[in-house]
Amino acid sequence: MATENVRDYPRPPRVEGTGRHLLVVIGDVTIAETRQGLRVLETTHPPVYYFPPGDVRMELLSPSARRTWCEFKGAASYWSVRAGGRVVANAAWSYPQPEPAYAAIRHHLAFYAAAADACFVDGERVQAQAGSFYGGWITGDVVGA
């Protein structure tokens, strides 16, 4: 994939499909793995990858009480993950009823790279976006984050 500058990403954000191999590991357990993910691109933020629920080990997730609001996507619900003998609170989020322009991500799950033991895009271990709110994944083909 060619290098992308996050300053070139749109506002409002754009949702697009990706066939890249996405993987989330917590406690030596593969929590999510797909080649049918979606990514949300928003100005100045690294991509946020969303996994279809069928490619997530949902039996390891439990709903959390945390809720947040995105001016574009709407109300987000959070999920805790139980794996490897521990619970990682609010490790993932989803949009059960997103705004119409973001209907494609309905029920898909995104994971905080900082909350996981490892996240990968096409075999490359990602870096977590700084901070505790945004969940972008930084890879070698993303600059400006």
Foldseek 3Di string as FASTA:
>chain_A
DAADELQPAAPVKDKDWAQWWKWFAALNDTFFTGSGWIWIRYRLFAIWIWAAPVRGPCVQKDWDPDWDADPQFGIKTFIWGDPNNDIQGRQKIARCPTDPNPVVRHPTITGACVSTPFMDTNNFTWDFDPDDPDRHTHDPRYPND
